[in-house]
């Protein structure tokens, strides 16, 4: 078990199986020293725990927890490409999308669910640049979707 997975276990998390794509793409791809993930939805055991717009049917607090699930799923997608999460040197960029009610402006706080989780699990390697974007809708009516770019070593 990698040190990253040991840290996850210490925090009460288990790395899930990679979420199967819902369309024509792969969960993650390596390009040189970088791994880029496709957008990660907050799938748990093959389904979304909740759907809807943040600031509407979904609270910001619920969405922040869903962003954490997206980050966990992102780590699983990255592992599927590199084999060992201890090869992850740096989370370079996180882009978070929040399906937002028209008057909701708390996207950064929602995406903090992923950012804080990555920092807790990876330490300094989890510190990253980030965008948090409000959108009208996401696939499967997911409240949150997150994509990652990470630098890895051989």
N, C-alpha and C. Protein backbone atom coordinates (compact mmCIF):
# COMPACT_ATOMS: atom_id res chain seq x y z
N UNK A 1 0.85 -1.18 0.00
CA UNK A 1 0.00 0.00 0.00
C UNK A 1 0.90 1.24 0.00
N UNK A 2 0.56 2.21 -0.84
CA UNK A 2 1.35 3.44 -0.94
C UNK A 2 1.17 4.29 0.32
N UNK A 3 2.08 5.22 0.53
CA UNK A 3 1.98 6.15 1.65
C UNK A 3 0.72 7.00 1.53
N UNK A 4 0.38 7.36 0.29
CA UNK A 4 -0.84 8.14 0.06
C UNK A 4 -2.06 7.33 0.48
N UNK A 5 -2.11 6.07 0.10
CA UNK A 5 -3.25 5.24 0.49
C UNK A 5 -3.27 4.97 1.99
N UNK A 6 -2.11 4.90 2.61
CA UNK A 6 -2.05 4.78 4.07
C UNK A 6 -2.63 6.02 4.73
N UNK A 7 -2.31 7.20 4.19
CA UNK A 7 -2.85 8.46 4.72
C UNK A 7 -4.36 8.50 4.53
N UNK A 8 -4.83 8.06 3.37
CA UNK A 8 -6.28 7.99 3.14
C UNK A 8 -6.93 7.11 4.20
N UNK A 9 -6.35 5.93 4.45
CA UNK A 9 -6.91 5.01 5.44
C UNK A 9 -6.91 5.64 6.83
N UNK A 10 -5.83 6.35 7.16
CA UNK A 10 -5.75 7.02 8.45
C UNK A 10 -6.87 8.04 8.61
N UNK A 11 -7.26 8.66 7.51
CA UNK A 11 -8.34 9.65 7.51
C UNK A 11 -9.73 9.01 7.36
N UNK A 12 -9.76 7.68 7.22
CA UNK A 12 -11.04 6.98 7.13
C UNK A 12 -11.56 6.77 5.73
N UNK A 13 -10.69 6.90 4.73
CA UNK A 13 -11.10 6.75 3.34
C UNK A 13 -10.43 5.54 2.70
N UNK A 14 -11.12 4.95 1.74
CA UNK A 14 -10.58 3.89 0.92
C UNK A 14 -10.63 4.36 -0.52
N UNK A 15 -9.56 4.15 -1.25
CA UNK A 15 -9.55 4.53 -2.65
C UNK A 15 -10.57 3.68 -3.40
N UNK A 16 -11.54 4.29 -4.07
CA UNK A 16 -12.56 3.52 -4.77
C UNK A 16 -12.05 2.98 -6.10
N UNK A 17 -12.83 2.12 -6.71
CA UNK A 17 -12.56 1.72 -8.09
C UNK A 17 -12.74 2.95 -8.97
N UNK A 18 -12.08 2.95 -10.11
CA UNK A 18 -12.21 4.07 -11.04
C UNK A 18 -13.65 4.12 -11.53
N UNK A 19 -14.20 5.32 -11.53
CA UNK A 19 -15.56 5.50 -12.03
C UNK A 19 -15.56 5.30 -13.54
N UNK A 20 -16.37 4.37 -14.04
CA UNK A 20 -16.40 4.16 -15.50
C UNK A 20 -16.91 5.41 -16.22
N UNK A 21 -16.36 5.70 -17.39
CA UNK A 21 -16.82 6.87 -18.15
C UNK A 21 -18.31 6.77 -18.49
N UNK A 22 -18.97 7.94 -18.51
CA UNK A 22 -20.38 7.97 -18.88
C UNK A 22 -20.56 8.37 -20.34
N UNK A 23 -19.44 8.53 -21.07
CA UNK A 23 -19.47 8.89 -22.50
C UNK A 23 -18.17 8.40 -23.14
N UNK A 24 -17.79 8.98 -24.26
CA UNK A 24 -16.62 8.53 -25.03
C UNK A 24 -15.35 9.25 -24.60
N UNK A 25 -14.75 8.79 -23.50
CA UNK A 25 -13.50 9.35 -23.01
C UNK A 25 -12.86 8.35 -22.05
N UNK A 26 -11.64 8.64 -21.61
CA UNK A 26 -10.98 7.81 -20.60
C UNK A 26 -10.91 8.62 -19.30
N UNK A 27 -10.88 7.95 -18.15
CA UNK A 27 -10.86 8.67 -16.87
C UNK A 27 -9.62 9.55 -16.68
N UNK A 28 -8.48 9.11 -17.20
CA UNK A 28 -7.24 9.89 -17.07
C UNK A 28 -6.28 9.47 -18.16
N UNK A 29 -5.35 10.38 -18.47
CA UNK A 29 -4.35 10.09 -19.49
C UNK A 29 -3.03 10.75 -19.08
N UNK A 30 -1.95 10.05 -19.36
CA UNK A 30 -0.63 10.60 -19.06
C UNK A 30 -0.03 11.22 -20.31
N UNK A 31 0.59 12.39 -20.13
CA UNK A 31 1.31 13.07 -21.19
C UNK A 31 2.63 13.53 -20.59
N UNK A 32 3.70 12.77 -20.87
CA UNK A 32 5.00 13.09 -20.28
C UNK A 32 4.96 12.96 -18.78
N UNK A 33 5.33 14.04 -18.10
CA UNK A 33 5.35 14.00 -16.64
C UNK A 33 4.02 14.42 -16.01
N UNK A 34 3.00 14.60 -16.83
CA UNK A 34 1.70 15.05 -16.34
C UNK A 34 0.62 13.99 -16.55
N UNK A 35 -0.33 13.97 -15.61
CA UNK A 35 -1.55 13.20 -15.77
C UNK A 35 -2.70 14.19 -15.69
N UNK A 36 -3.58 14.10 -16.67
CA UNK A 36 -4.78 14.92 -16.69
C UNK A 36 -5.98 13.99 -16.53
N UNK A 37 -6.89 14.38 -15.67
CA UNK A 37 -8.10 13.57 -15.52
C UNK A 37 -9.23 14.19 -16.32
N UNK A 38 -10.15 13.36 -16.69
CA UNK A 38 -11.43 13.85 -17.17
C UNK A 38 -12.18 14.38 -15.97
N UNK A 39 -13.27 15.06 -16.21
CA UNK A 39 -14.08 15.55 -15.10
C UNK A 39 -14.55 14.40 -14.23
N UNK A 40 -14.34 14.56 -12.93
CA UNK A 40 -14.73 13.53 -11.97
C UNK A 40 -16.02 13.95 -11.27
N UNK A 41 -17.02 13.11 -11.39
CA UNK A 41 -18.29 13.35 -10.70
C UNK A 41 -18.22 12.72 -9.31
N UNK A 42 -19.08 13.12 -8.40
CA UNK A 42 -19.06 12.56 -7.05
C UNK A 42 -19.80 11.22 -6.97
N UNK A 43 -19.39 10.28 -7.81
CA UNK A 43 -20.04 8.96 -7.83
C UNK A 43 -19.59 8.13 -6.63
N UNK A 44 -20.55 7.46 -6.03
CA UNK A 44 -20.30 6.53 -4.93
C UNK A 44 -21.00 5.24 -5.29
N UNK A 45 -20.23 4.15 -5.38
CA UNK A 45 -20.79 2.85 -5.73
C UNK A 45 -21.61 2.92 -7.02
N UNK A 46 -21.11 3.68 -7.99
CA UNK A 46 -21.74 3.71 -9.31
C UNK A 46 -22.90 4.67 -9.49
N UNK A 47 -23.20 5.49 -8.45
CA UNK A 47 -24.29 6.45 -8.64
C UNK A 47 -24.03 7.73 -7.86
N UNK A 48 -24.75 8.76 -8.24
CA UNK A 48 -24.63 10.04 -7.55
C UNK A 48 -25.43 10.00 -6.26
N UNK A 49 -24.85 10.42 -5.14
CA UNK A 49 -25.60 10.42 -3.88
C UNK A 49 -26.70 11.48 -3.86
N UNK A 50 -26.54 12.53 -4.64
CA UNK A 50 -27.56 13.57 -4.74
C UNK A 50 -27.41 14.29 -6.07
N UNK A 51 -28.46 14.92 -6.51
CA UNK A 51 -28.43 15.67 -7.77
C UNK A 51 -29.06 17.04 -7.54
N UNK A 52 -28.85 17.91 -8.50
CA UNK A 52 -29.50 19.22 -8.46
C UNK A 52 -28.51 20.37 -8.42
N UNK A 53 -29.06 21.56 -8.29
CA UNK A 53 -28.28 22.80 -8.30
C UNK A 53 -27.87 23.18 -6.88
N UNK A 54 -26.62 23.65 -6.77
CA UNK A 54 -26.14 24.15 -5.50
C UNK A 54 -26.75 25.53 -5.28
N UNK A 55 -27.25 25.73 -4.08
CA UNK A 55 -27.99 26.96 -3.80
C UNK A 55 -29.47 26.78 -4.08
N UNK A 56 -29.84 25.61 -4.56
CA UNK A 56 -31.24 25.24 -4.80
C UNK A 56 -31.53 23.98 -4.01
N UNK A 57 -31.55 22.84 -4.71
CA UNK A 57 -31.84 21.55 -4.05
C UNK A 57 -30.68 21.05 -3.19
N UNK A 58 -29.48 21.54 -3.44
CA UNK A 58 -28.28 21.08 -2.75
C UNK A 58 -27.65 22.25 -2.01
N UNK A 59 -27.35 22.05 -0.73
CA UNK A 59 -26.71 23.12 0.04
C UNK A 59 -25.23 23.22 -0.31
N UNK A 60 -24.64 24.35 0.00
CA UNK A 60 -23.20 24.54 -0.24
C UNK A 60 -22.40 23.54 0.59
N UNK A 61 -22.84 23.24 1.80
CA UNK A 61 -22.14 22.29 2.66
C UNK A 61 -22.19 20.88 2.06
N UNK A 62 -23.36 20.48 1.55
CA UNK A 62 -23.46 19.18 0.88
C UNK A 62 -22.56 19.13 -0.34
N UNK A 63 -22.55 20.20 -1.11
CA UNK A 63 -21.73 20.25 -2.33
C UNK A 63 -20.25 20.20 -1.99
N UNK A 64 -19.84 20.80 -0.89
CA UNK A 64 -18.43 20.75 -0.48
C UNK A 64 -18.03 19.30 -0.19
N UNK A 65 -18.91 18.54 0.45
CA UNK A 65 -18.64 17.11 0.69
C UNK A 65 -18.58 16.34 -0.62
N UNK A 66 -19.43 16.70 -1.57
CA UNK A 66 -19.40 16.05 -2.88
C UNK A 66 -18.10 16.37 -3.63
N UNK A 67 -17.58 17.58 -3.46
CA UNK A 67 -16.31 17.94 -4.08
C UNK A 67 -15.19 17.07 -3.52
N UNK A 68 -15.27 16.74 -2.25
CA UNK A 68 -14.28 15.84 -1.65
C UNK A 68 -14.36 14.45 -2.29
N UNK A 69 -15.56 13.99 -2.55
CA UNK A 69 -15.73 12.69 -3.21
C UNK A 69 -15.14 12.76 -4.62
N UNK A 70 -15.34 13.88 -5.32
CA UNK A 70 -14.74 14.05 -6.65
C UNK A 70 -13.23 13.93 -6.56
N UNK A 71 -12.63 14.52 -5.53
CA UNK A 71 -11.17 14.47 -5.37
C UNK A 71 -10.72 13.04 -5.13
N UNK A 72 -11.46 12.30 -4.32
CA UNK A 72 -11.11 10.90 -4.06
C UNK A 72 -11.20 10.10 -5.36
N UNK A 73 -12.24 10.33 -6.14
CA UNK A 73 -12.38 9.65 -7.42
C UNK A 73 -11.25 10.06 -8.38
N UNK A 74 -10.83 11.32 -8.31
CA UNK A 74 -9.72 11.77 -9.12
C UNK A 74 -8.43 11.05 -8.78
N UNK A 75 -8.18 10.83 -7.49
CA UNK A 75 -6.99 10.08 -7.09
C UNK A 75 -7.04 8.65 -7.63
N UNK A 76 -8.22 8.06 -7.63
CA UNK A 76 -8.37 6.70 -8.19
C UNK A 76 -8.06 6.70 -9.68
N UNK A 77 -8.53 7.72 -10.40
CA UNK A 77 -8.27 7.81 -11.84
C UNK A 77 -6.78 8.00 -12.10
N UNK A 78 -6.13 8.82 -11.29
CA UNK A 78 -4.69 9.04 -11.45
C UNK A 78 -3.93 7.75 -11.18
N UNK A 79 -4.30 7.04 -10.12
CA UNK A 79 -3.64 5.78 -9.80
C UNK A 79 -3.78 4.78 -10.96
N UNK A 80 -4.93 4.79 -11.63
CA UNK A 80 -5.14 3.84 -12.73
C UNK A 80 -4.14 4.05 -13.86
N UNK A 81 -3.55 5.23 -13.94
CA UNK A 81 -2.60 5.55 -15.00
C UNK A 81 -1.15 5.35 -14.53
N UNK A 82 -0.86 5.66 -13.26
CA UNK A 82 0.53 5.62 -12.80
C UNK A 82 0.83 4.42 -11.90
N UNK A 83 -0.20 3.72 -11.44
CA UNK A 83 0.00 2.50 -10.67
C UNK A 83 0.28 2.69 -9.20
N UNK A 84 0.90 3.79 -8.80
CA UNK A 84 1.29 4.01 -7.41
C UNK A 84 1.17 5.51 -7.13
N UNK A 85 0.29 5.88 -6.21
CA UNK A 85 0.08 7.29 -5.93
C UNK A 85 1.29 7.98 -5.30
N UNK A 86 2.25 7.21 -4.82
CA UNK A 86 3.46 7.83 -4.29
C UNK A 86 4.30 8.46 -5.41
N UNK A 87 3.98 8.17 -6.66
CA UNK A 87 4.65 8.80 -7.80
C UNK A 87 4.10 10.21 -8.08
N UNK A 88 3.01 10.56 -7.42
CA UNK A 88 2.40 11.88 -7.61
C UNK A 88 3.28 12.91 -6.89
N UNK A 89 3.89 13.81 -7.66
CA UNK A 89 4.78 14.83 -7.09
C UNK A 89 4.06 16.12 -6.73
N UNK A 90 3.09 16.52 -7.54
CA UNK A 90 2.42 17.80 -7.30
C UNK A 90 1.07 17.84 -8.00
N UNK A 91 0.06 18.27 -7.28
CA UNK A 91 -1.20 18.63 -7.93
C UNK A 91 -0.94 20.02 -8.49
N UNK A 92 -1.01 20.16 -9.81
CA UNK A 92 -0.67 21.42 -10.46
C UNK A 92 -1.90 22.32 -10.56
N UNK A 93 -3.01 21.75 -11.02
CA UNK A 93 -4.22 22.56 -11.26
C UNK A 93 -5.46 21.74 -10.98
N UNK A 94 -6.42 22.38 -10.35
CA UNK A 94 -7.74 21.82 -10.12
C UNK A 94 -8.74 22.78 -10.76
N UNK A 95 -9.64 22.24 -11.55
CA UNK A 95 -10.74 23.03 -12.10
C UNK A 95 -12.04 22.42 -11.58
N UNK A 96 -12.80 23.23 -10.89
CA UNK A 96 -14.06 22.76 -10.32
C UNK A 96 -15.24 23.45 -10.96
N UNK A 97 -16.24 22.65 -11.29
CA UNK A 97 -17.48 23.16 -11.86
C UNK A 97 -18.61 22.92 -10.88
N UNK A 98 -19.40 23.93 -10.63
CA UNK A 98 -20.51 23.83 -9.68
C UNK A 98 -21.80 24.17 -10.42
N UNK A 99 -22.71 23.19 -10.49
CA UNK A 99 -24.03 23.45 -11.06
C UNK A 99 -24.76 24.36 -10.09
N UNK A 100 -24.96 25.60 -10.48
CA UNK A 100 -25.37 26.64 -9.54
C UNK A 100 -26.77 27.18 -9.83
N UNK A 101 -27.51 27.40 -8.75
CA UNK A 101 -28.76 28.17 -8.87
C UNK A 101 -28.37 29.56 -9.34
N UNK A 102 -29.29 30.28 -9.98
CA UNK A 102 -28.94 31.57 -10.59
C UNK A 102 -28.27 32.58 -9.64
N UNK A 103 -28.64 32.57 -8.38
CA UNK A 103 -28.08 33.57 -7.46
C UNK A 103 -26.96 33.01 -6.57
N UNK A 104 -26.50 31.80 -6.83
CA UNK A 104 -25.45 31.20 -6.00
C UNK A 104 -24.08 31.68 -6.44
N UNK A 105 -23.28 32.18 -5.50
CA UNK A 105 -21.94 32.70 -5.82
C UNK A 105 -20.86 32.09 -4.93
N UNK A 106 -21.15 31.00 -4.27
CA UNK A 106 -20.19 30.39 -3.35
C UNK A 106 -19.37 29.26 -3.96
N UNK A 107 -19.13 29.30 -5.26
CA UNK A 107 -18.38 28.23 -5.92
C UNK A 107 -17.02 27.97 -5.27
N UNK A 108 -16.23 29.00 -4.93
CA UNK A 108 -14.93 28.73 -4.32
C UNK A 108 -15.03 27.93 -3.02
N UNK A 109 -16.03 28.22 -2.21
CA UNK A 109 -16.19 27.49 -0.96
C UNK A 109 -16.55 26.02 -1.21
N UNK A 110 -17.33 25.76 -2.24
CA UNK A 110 -17.69 24.39 -2.59
C UNK A 110 -16.43 23.62 -3.02
N UNK A 111 -15.65 24.21 -3.90
CA UNK A 111 -14.47 23.52 -4.43
C UNK A 111 -13.38 23.38 -3.36
N UNK A 112 -13.47 24.17 -2.29
CA UNK A 112 -12.57 23.96 -1.15
C UNK A 112 -12.68 22.53 -0.62
N UNK A 113 -13.80 21.88 -0.81
CA UNK A 113 -13.94 20.49 -0.38
C UNK A 113 -12.88 19.61 -1.02
N UNK A 114 -12.59 19.84 -2.28
CA UNK A 114 -11.53 19.08 -2.97
C UNK A 114 -10.16 19.60 -2.58
N UNK A 115 -9.99 20.91 -2.58
CA UNK A 115 -8.68 21.49 -2.30
C UNK A 115 -8.19 21.15 -0.89
N UNK A 116 -9.05 21.29 0.08
CA UNK A 116 -8.67 20.98 1.46
C UNK A 116 -8.35 19.50 1.62
N UNK A 117 -9.13 18.65 0.97
CA UNK A 117 -8.91 17.21 1.02
C UNK A 117 -7.55 16.85 0.41
N UNK A 118 -7.24 17.41 -0.75
CA UNK A 118 -5.96 17.12 -1.39
C UNK A 118 -4.79 17.59 -0.52
N UNK A 119 -4.93 18.73 0.12
CA UNK A 119 -3.90 19.21 1.02
C UNK A 119 -3.73 18.31 2.23
N UNK A 120 -4.84 17.83 2.76
CA UNK A 120 -4.78 16.95 3.93
C UNK A 120 -4.13 15.61 3.58
N UNK A 121 -4.45 15.08 2.42
CA UNK A 121 -3.93 13.77 2.01
C UNK A 121 -2.50 13.86 1.51
N UNK A 122 -2.19 14.89 0.73
CA UNK A 122 -0.90 14.96 0.04
C UNK A 122 0.08 15.96 0.64
N UNK A 123 -0.33 16.73 1.62
CA UNK A 123 0.56 17.74 2.19
C UNK A 123 0.91 18.79 1.15
N UNK A 124 2.18 19.20 1.12
CA UNK A 124 2.63 20.25 0.20
C UNK A 124 2.38 19.87 -1.26
N UNK A 125 2.41 18.59 -1.58
CA UNK A 125 2.17 18.15 -2.96
C UNK A 125 0.71 18.38 -3.38
N UNK A 126 -0.17 18.62 -2.42
CA UNK A 126 -1.57 18.85 -2.72
C UNK A 126 -1.93 20.31 -2.94
N UNK A 127 -0.97 21.22 -2.74
CA UNK A 127 -1.22 22.65 -2.94
C UNK A 127 -1.21 22.93 -4.44
N UNK A 128 -2.20 23.65 -4.93
CA UNK A 128 -2.39 23.77 -6.37
C UNK A 128 -3.00 25.11 -6.78
N UNK A 129 -2.88 25.41 -8.07
CA UNK A 129 -3.64 26.49 -8.68
C UNK A 129 -5.05 25.97 -8.92
N UNK A 130 -6.03 26.88 -9.02
CA UNK A 130 -7.40 26.40 -9.10
C UNK A 130 -8.33 27.41 -9.75
N UNK A 131 -9.37 26.87 -10.37
CA UNK A 131 -10.50 27.67 -10.83
C UNK A 131 -11.77 27.03 -10.27
N UNK A 132 -12.73 27.87 -9.91
CA UNK A 132 -14.03 27.40 -9.43
C UNK A 132 -15.09 28.13 -10.26
N UNK A 133 -15.82 27.37 -11.06
CA UNK A 133 -16.70 27.95 -12.07
C UNK A 133 -18.14 27.53 -11.84
N UNK A 134 -19.04 28.48 -11.85
CA UNK A 134 -20.46 28.18 -11.79
C UNK A 134 -21.00 27.90 -13.18
N UNK A 135 -21.79 26.83 -13.30
CA UNK A 135 -22.37 26.45 -14.59
C UNK A 135 -23.85 26.16 -14.43
N UNK A 136 -24.57 26.17 -15.55
CA UNK A 136 -26.02 25.94 -15.52
C UNK A 136 -26.37 24.49 -15.23
N UNK A 137 -25.58 23.55 -15.74
CA UNK A 137 -25.88 22.13 -15.55
C UNK A 137 -24.62 21.30 -15.77
N UNK A 138 -24.60 20.13 -15.15
CA UNK A 138 -23.50 19.18 -15.31
C UNK A 138 -24.06 17.82 -15.70
N UNK A 139 -23.22 16.92 -16.22
CA UNK A 139 -23.71 15.59 -16.62
C UNK A 139 -24.45 14.89 -15.48
N UNK A 140 -25.51 14.21 -15.84
CA UNK A 140 -26.34 13.42 -14.92
C UNK A 140 -26.96 14.27 -13.81
N UNK A 141 -27.00 15.58 -14.00
CA UNK A 141 -27.52 16.53 -13.01
C UNK A 141 -26.67 16.54 -11.74
N UNK A 142 -25.35 16.24 -11.90
CA UNK A 142 -24.43 16.28 -10.76
C UNK A 142 -24.29 17.72 -10.28
N UNK A 143 -24.17 17.91 -8.97
CA UNK A 143 -23.96 19.26 -8.44
C UNK A 143 -22.53 19.78 -8.64
N UNK A 144 -21.56 18.86 -8.72
CA UNK A 144 -20.15 19.24 -8.77
C UNK A 144 -19.40 18.31 -9.72
N UNK A 145 -18.41 18.86 -10.40
CA UNK A 145 -17.50 18.07 -11.24
C UNK A 145 -16.12 18.70 -11.13
N UNK A 146 -15.10 17.87 -11.01
CA UNK A 146 -13.74 18.39 -10.84
C UNK A 146 -12.78 17.64 -11.75
N UNK A 147 -11.84 18.40 -12.36
CA UNK A 147 -10.78 17.79 -13.15
C UNK A 147 -9.44 18.22 -12.57
N UNK A 148 -8.42 17.39 -12.79
CA UNK A 148 -7.12 17.60 -12.19
C UNK A 148 -6.01 17.52 -13.24
N UNK A 149 -4.96 18.26 -12.97
CA UNK A 149 -3.69 18.08 -13.68
C UNK A 149 -2.64 17.90 -12.60
N UNK A 150 -1.90 16.80 -12.67
CA UNK A 150 -0.87 16.51 -11.69
C UNK A 150 0.45 16.20 -12.38
N UNK A 151 1.55 16.47 -11.68
CA UNK A 151 2.88 16.11 -12.16
C UNK A 151 3.30 14.85 -11.43
N UNK A 152 3.84 13.90 -12.19
CA UNK A 152 4.24 12.61 -11.61
C UNK A 152 5.68 12.29 -12.01
N UNK A 153 6.26 11.35 -11.32
CA UNK A 153 7.60 10.89 -11.64
C UNK A 153 7.54 9.42 -12.02
N UNK A 154 8.58 8.96 -12.69
CA UNK A 154 8.63 7.54 -13.07
C UNK A 154 9.08 6.70 -11.90
